[in-house]
Amino acid sequence: FQISLPLSYGRWGMPLVPHSRPIAAIVGRPIRIDAAVPEPSEEQIAEVHAQFMAELRRIFDKHKHLVPGYEKKRLYFDDEE
């Protein structure tokens, strides 16, 4: 019978116990939808997605100072250059 010992350590010098880190949980404005659409079109999906991405960027830019080291960071999305 063999076991591996973890080489990392965390809080109190114990393995597998992570160090405490601050967390910022932010909630943005709700995205209003008039009514549920059983089969939304690609255009409708793109519109709601654009609203979501804009709100995500707004709350990131507004609250990034709450996380040390993020004050000067910028939020990038995959479809941006």
PDB file of N, CA and C in Angstrom:
ATOM      1  N   PHE A   1       0.850  -1.164   0.000  1.00  0.00           N
ATOM      2  CA  PHE A   1       0.000   0.000   0.000  1.00  0.00           C
ATOM      3  C   PHE A   1       0.897   1.228   0.000  1.00  0.00           C
ATOM      4  N   GLN A   2       0.655   2.123  -0.944  1.00  0.00           N
ATOM      5  CA  GLN A   2       1.477   3.320  -1.086  1.00  0.00           C
ATOM      6  C   GLN A   2       0.575   4.551  -1.102  1.00  0.00           C
ATOM      7  N   ILE A   3       1.078   5.633  -0.536  1.00  0.00           N
ATOM      8  CA  ILE A   3       0.363   6.910  -0.605  1.00  0.00           C
ATOM      9  C   ILE A   3       1.353   8.005  -0.945  1.00  0.00           C
ATOM     10  N   SER A   4       0.846   9.074  -1.524  1.00  0.00           N
ATOM     11  CA  SER A   4       1.669  10.245  -1.831  1.00  0.00           C
ATOM     12  C   SER A   4       1.398  11.315  -0.797  1.00  0.00           C
ATOM     13  N   LEU A   5       2.421  12.005  -0.415  1.00  0.00           N
ATOM     14  CA  LEU A   5       2.259  13.111   0.533  1.00  0.00           C
ATOM     15  C   LEU A   5       2.251  14.421  -0.235  1.00  0.00           C
ATOM     16  N   PRO A   6       1.285  15.302   0.032  1.00  0.00           N
ATOM     17  CA  PRO A   6       1.257  16.593  -0.669  1.00  0.00           C
ATOM     18  C   PRO A   6       2.441  17.460  -0.250  1.00  0.00           C
ATOM     19  N   LEU A   7       3.026  18.130  -1.231  1.00  0.00           N
ATOM     20  CA  LEU A   7       4.163  18.994  -0.960  1.00  0.00           C
ATOM     21  C   LEU A   7       3.738  20.416  -0.625  1.00  0.00           C
ATOM     22  N   SER A   8       2.492  20.748  -0.896  1.00  0.00           N
ATOM     23  CA  SER A   8       2.020  22.100  -0.600  1.00  0.00           C
ATOM     24  C   SER A   8       1.453  22.157   0.815  1.00  0.00           C
ATOM     25  N   TYR A   9       1.437  23.358   1.338  1.00  0.00           N
ATOM     26  CA  TYR A   9       0.850  23.553   2.656  1.00  0.00           C
ATOM     27  C   TYR A   9       0.101  24.861   2.654  1.00  0.00           C
ATOM     28  N   GLY A  10      -0.813  25.002   3.566  1.00  0.00           N
ATOM     29  CA  GLY A  10      -1.640  26.195   3.616  1.00  0.00           C
ATOM     30  C   GLY A  10      -1.681  26.776   5.005  1.00  0.00           C
ATOM     31  N   ARG A  11      -2.868  27.174   5.399  1.00  0.00           N
ATOM     32  CA  ARG A  11      -3.067  27.801   6.693  1.00  0.00           C
ATOM     33  C   ARG A  11      -2.624  26.856   7.805  1.00  0.00           C
ATOM     34  N   TRP A  12      -2.005  27.377   8.819  1.00  0.00           N
ATOM     35  CA  TRP A  12      -1.499  26.662   9.992  1.00  0.00           C
ATOM     36  C   TRP A  12      -0.440  25.628   9.625  1.00  0.00           C
ATOM     37  N   GLY A  13       0.162  25.751   8.431  1.00  0.00           N
ATOM     38  CA  GLY A  13       1.185  24.815   8.003  1.00  0.00           C
ATOM     39  C   GLY A  13       0.653  23.450   7.625  1.00  0.00           C
ATOM     40  N   MET A  14      -0.664  23.344   7.476  1.00  0.00           N
ATOM     41  CA  MET A  14      -1.273  22.046   7.173  1.00  0.00           C
ATOM     42  C   MET A  14      -1.469  21.869   5.674  1.00  0.00           C
ATOM     43  N   PRO A  15      -1.295  20.651   5.178  1.00  0.00           N
ATOM     44  CA  PRO A  15      -1.562  20.406   3.757  1.00  0.00           C
ATOM     45  C   PRO A  15      -3.057  20.466   3.464  1.00  0.00           C
ATOM     46  N   LEU A  16      -3.394  20.916   2.270  1.00  0.00           N
ATOM     47  CA  LEU A  16      -4.767  20.942   1.768  1.00  0.00           C
ATOM     48  C   LEU A  16      -5.706  21.884   2.503  1.00  0.00           C
ATOM     49  N   VAL A  17      -5.194  22.752   3.371  1.00  0.00           N
ATOM     50  CA  VAL A  17      -6.018  23.771   4.024  1.00  0.00           C
ATOM     51  C   VAL A  17      -5.604  25.110   3.409  1.00  0.00           C
ATOM     52  N   PRO A  18      -6.448  25.710   2.563  1.00  0.00           N
ATOM     53  CA  PRO A  18      -6.041  26.922   1.841  1.00  0.00           C
ATOM     54  C   PRO A  18      -5.873  28.133   2.759  1.00  0.00           C
ATOM     55  N   HIS A  19      -5.022  29.042   2.296  1.00  0.00           N
ATOM     56  CA  HIS A  19      -4.871  30.319   2.994  1.00  0.00           C
ATOM     57  C   HIS A  19      -6.143  31.136   2.816  1.00  0.00           C
ATOM     58  N   SER A  20      -6.466  31.932   3.797  1.00  0.00           N
ATOM     59  CA  SER A  20      -7.637  32.797   3.726  1.00  0.00           C
ATOM     60  C   SER A  20      -7.362  33.952   2.761  1.00  0.00           C
ATOM     61  N   ARG A  21      -8.290  34.230   1.869  1.00  0.00           N
ATOM     62  CA  ARG A  21      -8.180  35.327   0.899  1.00  0.00           C
ATOM     63  C   ARG A  21      -9.493  36.109   0.899  1.00  0.00           C
ATOM     64  N   PRO A  22      -9.418  37.430   0.705  1.00  0.00           N
ATOM     65  CA  PRO A  22     -10.661  38.208   0.638  1.00  0.00           C
ATOM     66  C   PRO A  22     -11.432  37.901  -0.643  1.00  0.00           C
ATOM     67  N   ILE A  23     -12.748  37.920  -0.548  1.00  0.00           N
ATOM     68  CA  ILE A  23     -13.621  37.674  -1.697  1.00  0.00           C
ATOM     69  C   ILE A  23     -14.577  38.854  -1.830  1.00  0.00           C
ATOM     70  N   ALA A  24     -14.759  39.322  -3.046  1.00  0.00           N
ATOM     71  CA  ALA A  24     -15.726  40.389  -3.310  1.00  0.00           C
ATOM     72  C   ALA A  24     -16.844  39.791  -4.170  1.00  0.00           C
ATOM     73  N   ALA A  25     -18.047  39.715  -3.644  1.00  0.00           N
ATOM     74  CA  ALA A  25     -19.198  39.211  -4.395  1.00  0.00           C
ATOM     75  C   ALA A  25     -20.102  40.395  -4.726  1.00  0.00           C
ATOM     76  N   ILE A  26     -20.257  40.678  -5.996  1.00  0.00           N
ATOM     77  CA  ILE A  26     -21.009  41.844  -6.458  1.00  0.00           C
ATOM     78  C   ILE A  26     -22.177  41.355  -7.323  1.00  0.00           C
ATOM     79  N   VAL A  27     -23.330  41.986  -7.169  1.00  0.00           N
ATOM     80  CA  VAL A  27     -24.507  41.655  -7.974  1.00  0.00           C
ATOM     81  C   VAL A  27     -24.848  42.871  -8.826  1.00  0.00           C
ATOM     82  N   GLY A  28     -25.050  42.637 -10.109  1.00  0.00           N
ATOM     83  CA  GLY A  28     -25.365  43.726 -11.027  1.00  0.00           C
ATOM     84  C   GLY A  28     -26.851  43.972 -11.138  1.00  0.00           C
ATOM     85  N   ARG A  29     -27.186  44.888 -12.023  1.00  0.00           N
ATOM     86  CA  ARG A  29     -28.594  45.212 -12.273  1.00  0.00           C
ATOM     87  C   ARG A  29     -29.268  44.041 -12.988  1.00  0.00           C
ATOM     88  N   PRO A  30     -30.551  43.820 -12.731  1.00  0.00           N
ATOM     89  CA  PRO A  30     -31.241  42.724 -13.428  1.00  0.00           C
ATOM     90  C   PRO A  30     -31.433  43.037 -14.910  1.00  0.00           C
ATOM     91  N   ILE A  31     -31.449  42.001 -15.709  1.00  0.00           N
ATOM     92  CA  ILE A  31     -31.742  42.139 -17.138  1.00  0.00           C
ATOM     93  C   ILE A  31     -33.227  41.833 -17.304  1.00  0.00           C
ATOM     94  N   ARG A  32     -33.965  42.807 -17.758  1.00  0.00           N
ATOM     95  CA  ARG A  32     -35.424  42.671 -17.888  1.00  0.00           C
ATOM     96  C   ARG A  32     -35.777  42.014 -19.223  1.00  0.00           C
ATOM     97  N   ILE A  33     -36.602  40.999 -19.135  1.00  0.00           N
ATOM     98  CA  ILE A  33     -37.134  40.321 -20.316  1.00  0.00           C
ATOM     99  C   ILE A  33     -38.653  40.421 -20.209  1.00  0.00           C
ATOM    100  N   ASP A  34     -39.324  40.864 -21.280  1.00  0.00           N
ATOM    101  CA  ASP A  34     -40.781  41.057 -21.237  1.00  0.00           C
ATOM    102  C   ASP A  34     -41.522  39.757 -20.921  1.00  0.00           C
ATOM    103  N   ALA A  35     -41.228  38.708 -21.650  1.00  0.00           N
ATOM    104  CA  ALA A  35     -41.903  37.423 -21.438  1.00  0.00           C
ATOM    105  C   ALA A  35     -40.967  36.313 -21.895  1.00  0.00           C
ATOM    106  N   ALA A  36     -41.183  35.129 -21.345  1.00  0.00           N
ATOM    107  CA  ALA A  36     -40.376  33.982 -21.756  1.00  0.00           C
ATOM    108  C   ALA A  36     -40.676  33.650 -23.212  1.00  0.00           C
ATOM    109  N   VAL A  37     -39.615  33.392 -23.965  1.00  0.00           N
ATOM    110  CA  VAL A  37     -39.764  33.049 -25.380  1.00  0.00           C
ATOM    111  C   VAL A  37     -39.325  31.585 -25.535  1.00  0.00           C
ATOM    112  N   PRO A  38     -40.245  30.707 -25.934  1.00  0.00           N
ATOM    113  CA  PRO A  38     -39.891  29.283 -26.028  1.00  0.00           C
ATOM    114  C   PRO A  38     -38.753  29.003 -27.022  1.00  0.00           C
ATOM    115  N   GLU A  39     -38.744  29.689 -28.134  1.00  0.00           N
ATOM    116  CA  GLU A  39     -37.706  29.513 -29.153  1.00  0.00           C
ATOM    117  C   GLU A  39     -37.134  30.883 -29.522  1.00  0.00           C
ATOM    118  N   PRO A  40     -36.217  31.429 -28.717  1.00  0.00           N
ATOM    119  CA  PRO A  40     -35.687  32.761 -29.028  1.00  0.00           C
ATOM    120  C   PRO A  40     -34.836  32.743 -30.300  1.00  0.00           C
ATOM    121  N   SER A  41     -34.890  33.837 -31.022  1.00  0.00           N
ATOM    122  CA  SER A  41     -34.087  33.957 -32.238  1.00  0.00           C
ATOM    123  C   SER A  41     -32.645  34.277 -31.855  1.00  0.00           C
ATOM    124  N   GLU A  42     -31.749  34.107 -32.804  1.00  0.00           N
ATOM    125  CA  GLU A  42     -30.335  34.440 -32.573  1.00  0.00           C
ATOM    126  C   GLU A  42     -30.192  35.922 -32.233  1.00  0.00           C
ATOM    127  N   GLU A  43     -31.016  36.762 -32.855  1.00  0.00           N
ATOM    128  CA  GLU A  43     -30.978  38.208 -32.593  1.00  0.00           C
ATOM    129  C   GLU A  43     -31.388  38.508 -31.148  1.00  0.00           C
ATOM    130  N   GLN A  44     -32.433  37.851 -30.662  1.00  0.00           N
ATOM    131  CA  GLN A  44     -32.868  38.053 -29.280  1.00  0.00           C
ATOM    132  C   GLN A  44     -31.802  37.585 -28.290  1.00  0.00           C
ATOM    133  N   ILE A  45     -31.196  36.455 -28.573  1.00  0.00           N
ATOM    134  CA  ILE A  45     -30.128  35.942 -27.713  1.00  0.00           C
ATOM    135  C   ILE A  45     -28.952  36.904 -27.697  1.00  0.00           C
ATOM    136  N   ALA A  46     -28.572  37.405 -28.872  1.00  0.00           N
ATOM    137  CA  ALA A  46     -27.446  38.336 -28.972  1.00  0.00           C
ATOM    138  C   ALA A  46     -27.731  39.631 -28.207  1.00  0.00           C
ATOM    139  N   GLU A  47     -28.963  40.095 -28.246  1.00  0.00           N
ATOM    140  CA  GLU A  47     -29.331  41.330 -27.539  1.00  0.00           C
ATOM    141  C   GLU A  47     -29.199  41.164 -26.021  1.00  0.00           C
ATOM    142  N   VAL A  48     -29.723  40.064 -25.491  1.00  0.00           N
ATOM    143  CA  VAL A  48     -29.639  39.826 -24.049  1.00  0.00           C
ATOM    144  C   VAL A  48     -28.181  39.571 -23.637  1.00  0.00           C
ATOM    145  N   HIS A  49     -27.450  38.864 -24.480  1.00  0.00           N
ATOM    146  CA  HIS A  49     -26.037  38.607 -24.196  1.00  0.00           C
ATOM    147  C   HIS A  49     -25.247  39.910 -24.151  1.00  0.00           C
ATOM    148  N   ALA A  50     -25.531  40.815 -25.065  1.00  0.00           N
ATOM    149  CA  ALA A  50     -24.845  42.117 -25.081  1.00  0.00           C
ATOM    150  C   ALA A  50     -25.163  42.906 -23.810  1.00  0.00           C
ATOM    151  N   GLN A  51     -26.415  42.846 -23.350  1.00  0.00           N
ATOM    152  CA  GLN A  51     -26.781  43.517 -22.095  1.00  0.00           C
ATOM    153  C   GLN A  51     -26.007  42.918 -20.925  1.00  0.00           C
ATOM    154  N   PHE A  52     -25.906  41.589 -20.898  1.00  0.00           N
ATOM    155  CA  PHE A  52     -25.184  40.902 -19.835  1.00  0.00           C
ATOM    156  C   PHE A  52     -23.707  41.302 -19.822  1.00  0.00           C
ATOM    157  N   MET A  53     -23.081  41.296 -20.989  1.00  0.00           N
ATOM    158  CA  MET A  53     -21.657  41.637 -21.085  1.00  0.00           C
ATOM    159  C   MET A  53     -21.410  43.097 -20.679  1.00  0.00           C
ATOM    160  N   ALA A  54     -22.291  43.995 -21.078  1.00  0.00           N
ATOM    161  CA  ALA A  54     -22.149  45.407 -20.711  1.00  0.00           C
ATOM    162  C   ALA A  54     -22.263  45.581 -19.201  1.00  0.00           C
ATOM    163  N   GLU A  55     -23.203  44.880 -18.575  1.00  0.00           N
ATOM    164  CA  GLU A  55     -23.365  44.979 -17.120  1.00  0.00           C
ATOM    165  C   GLU A  55     -22.179  44.346 -16.389  1.00  0.00           C
ATOM    166  N   LEU A  56     -21.682  43.247 -16.900  1.00  0.00           N
ATOM    167  CA  LEU A  56     -20.513  42.613 -16.308  1.00  0.00           C
ATOM    168  C   LEU A  56     -19.312  43.558 -16.328  1.00  0.00           C
ATOM    169  N   ARG A  57     -19.097  44.226 -17.455  1.00  0.00           N
ATOM    170  CA  ARG A  57     -17.984  45.178 -17.557  1.00  0.00           C
ATOM    171  C   ARG A  57     -18.209  46.372 -16.624  1.00  0.00           C
ATOM    172  N   ARG A  58     -19.451  46.854 -16.533  1.00  0.00           N
ATOM    173  CA  ARG A  58     -19.747  47.999 -15.671  1.00  0.00           C
ATOM    174  C   ARG A  58     -19.445  47.684 -14.210  1.00  0.00           C
ATOM    175  N   ILE A  59     -19.909  46.535 -13.723  1.00  0.00           N
ATOM    176  CA  ILE A  59     -19.670  46.232 -12.307  1.00  0.00           C
ATOM    177  C   ILE A  59     -18.202  45.897 -12.052  1.00  0.00           C
ATOM    178  N   PHE A  60     -17.518  45.305 -13.034  1.00  0.00           N
ATOM    179  CA  PHE A  60     -16.085  45.056 -12.865  1.00  0.00           C
ATOM    180  C   PHE A  60     -15.338  46.380 -12.724  1.00  0.00           C
ATOM    181  N   ASP A  61     -15.590  47.314 -13.649  1.00  0.00           N
ATOM    182  CA  ASP A  61     -14.895  48.599 -13.608  1.00  0.00           C
ATOM    183  C   ASP A  61     -15.240  49.401 -12.349  1.00  0.00           C
ATOM    184  N   LYS A  62     -16.470  49.302 -11.899  1.00  0.00           N
ATOM    185  CA  LYS A  62     -16.892  50.065 -10.716  1.00  0.00           C
ATOM    186  C   LYS A  62     -16.293  49.515  -9.423  1.00  0.00           C
ATOM    187  N   HIS A  63     -16.125  48.196  -9.335  1.00  0.00           N
ATOM    188  CA  HIS A  63     -15.742  47.582  -8.066  1.00  0.00           C
ATOM    189  C   HIS A  63     -14.372  46.916  -8.060  1.00  0.00           C
ATOM    190  N   LYS A  64     -13.584  47.045  -9.116  1.00  0.00           N
ATOM    191  CA  LYS A  64     -12.305  46.348  -9.169  1.00  0.00           C
ATOM    192  C   LYS A  64     -11.329  46.815  -8.092  1.00  0.00           C
ATOM    193  N   HIS A  65     -11.529  47.997  -7.561  1.00  0.00           N
ATOM    194  CA  HIS A  65     -10.647  48.495  -6.504  1.00  0.00           C
ATOM    195  C   HIS A  65     -10.804  47.710  -5.193  1.00  0.00           C
ATOM    196  N   LEU A  66     -11.854  46.915  -5.072  1.00  0.00           N
ATOM    197  CA  LEU A  66     -12.081  46.145  -3.844  1.00  0.00           C
ATOM    198  C   LEU A  66     -11.140  44.948  -3.723  1.00  0.00           C
ATOM    199  N   VAL A  67     -10.560  44.513  -4.849  1.00  0.00           N
ATOM    200  CA  VAL A  67      -9.650  43.371  -4.839  1.00  0.00           C
ATOM    201  C   VAL A  67      -8.226  43.896  -5.042  1.00  0.00           C
ATOM    202  N   PRO A  68      -7.359  43.700  -4.057  1.00  0.00           N
ATOM    203  CA  PRO A  68      -5.980  44.215  -4.181  1.00  0.00           C
ATOM    204  C   PRO A  68      -5.304  43.693  -5.452  1.00  0.00           C
ATOM    205  N   GLY A  69      -4.675  44.618  -6.193  1.00  0.00           N
ATOM    206  CA  GLY A  69      -3.977  44.270  -7.418  1.00  0.00           C
ATOM    207  C   GLY A  69      -4.817  44.391  -8.674  1.00  0.00           C
ATOM    208  N   TYR A  70      -6.115  44.643  -8.546  1.00  0.00           N
ATOM    209  CA  TYR A  70      -6.992  44.739  -9.713  1.00  0.00           C
ATOM    210  C   TYR A  70      -7.338  46.176 -10.080  1.00  0.00           C
ATOM    211  N   GLU A  71      -6.818  47.137  -9.354  1.00  0.00           N
ATOM    212  CA  GLU A  71      -7.180  48.539  -9.578  1.00  0.00           C
ATOM    213  C   GLU A  71      -6.952  48.991 -11.014  1.00  0.00           C
ATOM    214  N   LYS A  72      -5.882  48.512 -11.640  1.00  0.00           N
ATOM    215  CA  LYS A  72      -5.532  48.957 -12.994  1.00  0.00           C
ATOM    216  C   LYS A  72      -5.790  47.890 -14.049  1.00  0.00           C
ATOM    217  N   LYS A  73      -6.498  46.838 -13.696  1.00  0.00           N
ATOM    218  CA  LYS A  73      -6.775  45.765 -14.651  1.00  0.00           C
ATOM    219  C   LYS A  73      -7.960  46.124 -15.541  1.00  0.00           C
ATOM    220  N   ARG A  74      -8.020  45.467 -16.700  1.00  0.00           N
ATOM    221  CA  ARG A  74      -9.118  45.652 -17.646  1.00  0.00           C
ATOM    222  C   ARG A  74      -9.744  44.294 -17.914  1.00  0.00           C
ATOM    223  N   LEU A  75     -11.051  44.250 -18.045  1.00  0.00           N
ATOM    224  CA  LEU A  75     -11.765  43.016 -18.326  1.00  0.00           C
ATOM    225  C   LEU A  75     -11.813  42.794 -19.833  1.00  0.00           C
ATOM    226  N   TYR A  76     -11.302  41.650 -20.282  1.00  0.00           N
ATOM    227  CA  TYR A  76     -11.302  41.302 -21.707  1.00  0.00           C
ATOM    228  C   TYR A  76     -12.259  40.146 -21.943  1.00  0.00           C
ATOM    229  N   PHE A  77     -12.936  40.173 -23.078  1.00  0.00           N
ATOM    230  CA  PHE A  77     -13.797  39.077 -23.497  1.00  0.00           C
ATOM    231  C   PHE A  77     -13.159  38.412 -24.712  1.00  0.00           C
ATOM    232  N   ASP A  78     -13.450  37.134 -24.938  1.00  0.00           N
ATOM    233  CA  ASP A  78     -12.817  36.381 -26.015  1.00  0.00           C
ATOM    234  C   ASP A  78     -13.002  37.002 -27.395  1.00  0.00           C
ATOM    235  N   ASP A  79     -14.147  37.613 -27.649  1.00  0.00           N
ATOM    236  CA  ASP A  79     -14.406  38.147 -29.001  1.00  0.00           C
ATOM    237  C   ASP A  79     -13.830  39.543 -29.212  1.00  0.00           C
ATOM    238  N   GLU A  80     -13.083  40.046 -28.243  1.00  0.00           N
ATOM    239  CA  GLU A  80     -12.458  41.382 -28.396  1.00  0.00           C
ATOM    240  C   GLU A  80     -11.007  41.228 -28.875  1.00  0.00           C
ATOM    241  N   GLU A  81     -10.525  42.271 -29.491  1.00  0.00           N
ATOM    242  CA  GLU A  81      -9.121  42.279 -29.936  1.00  0.00           C
ATOM    243  C   GLU A  81      -8.259  42.984 -28.932  1.00  0.00           C
TER     244      GLU A  81
END
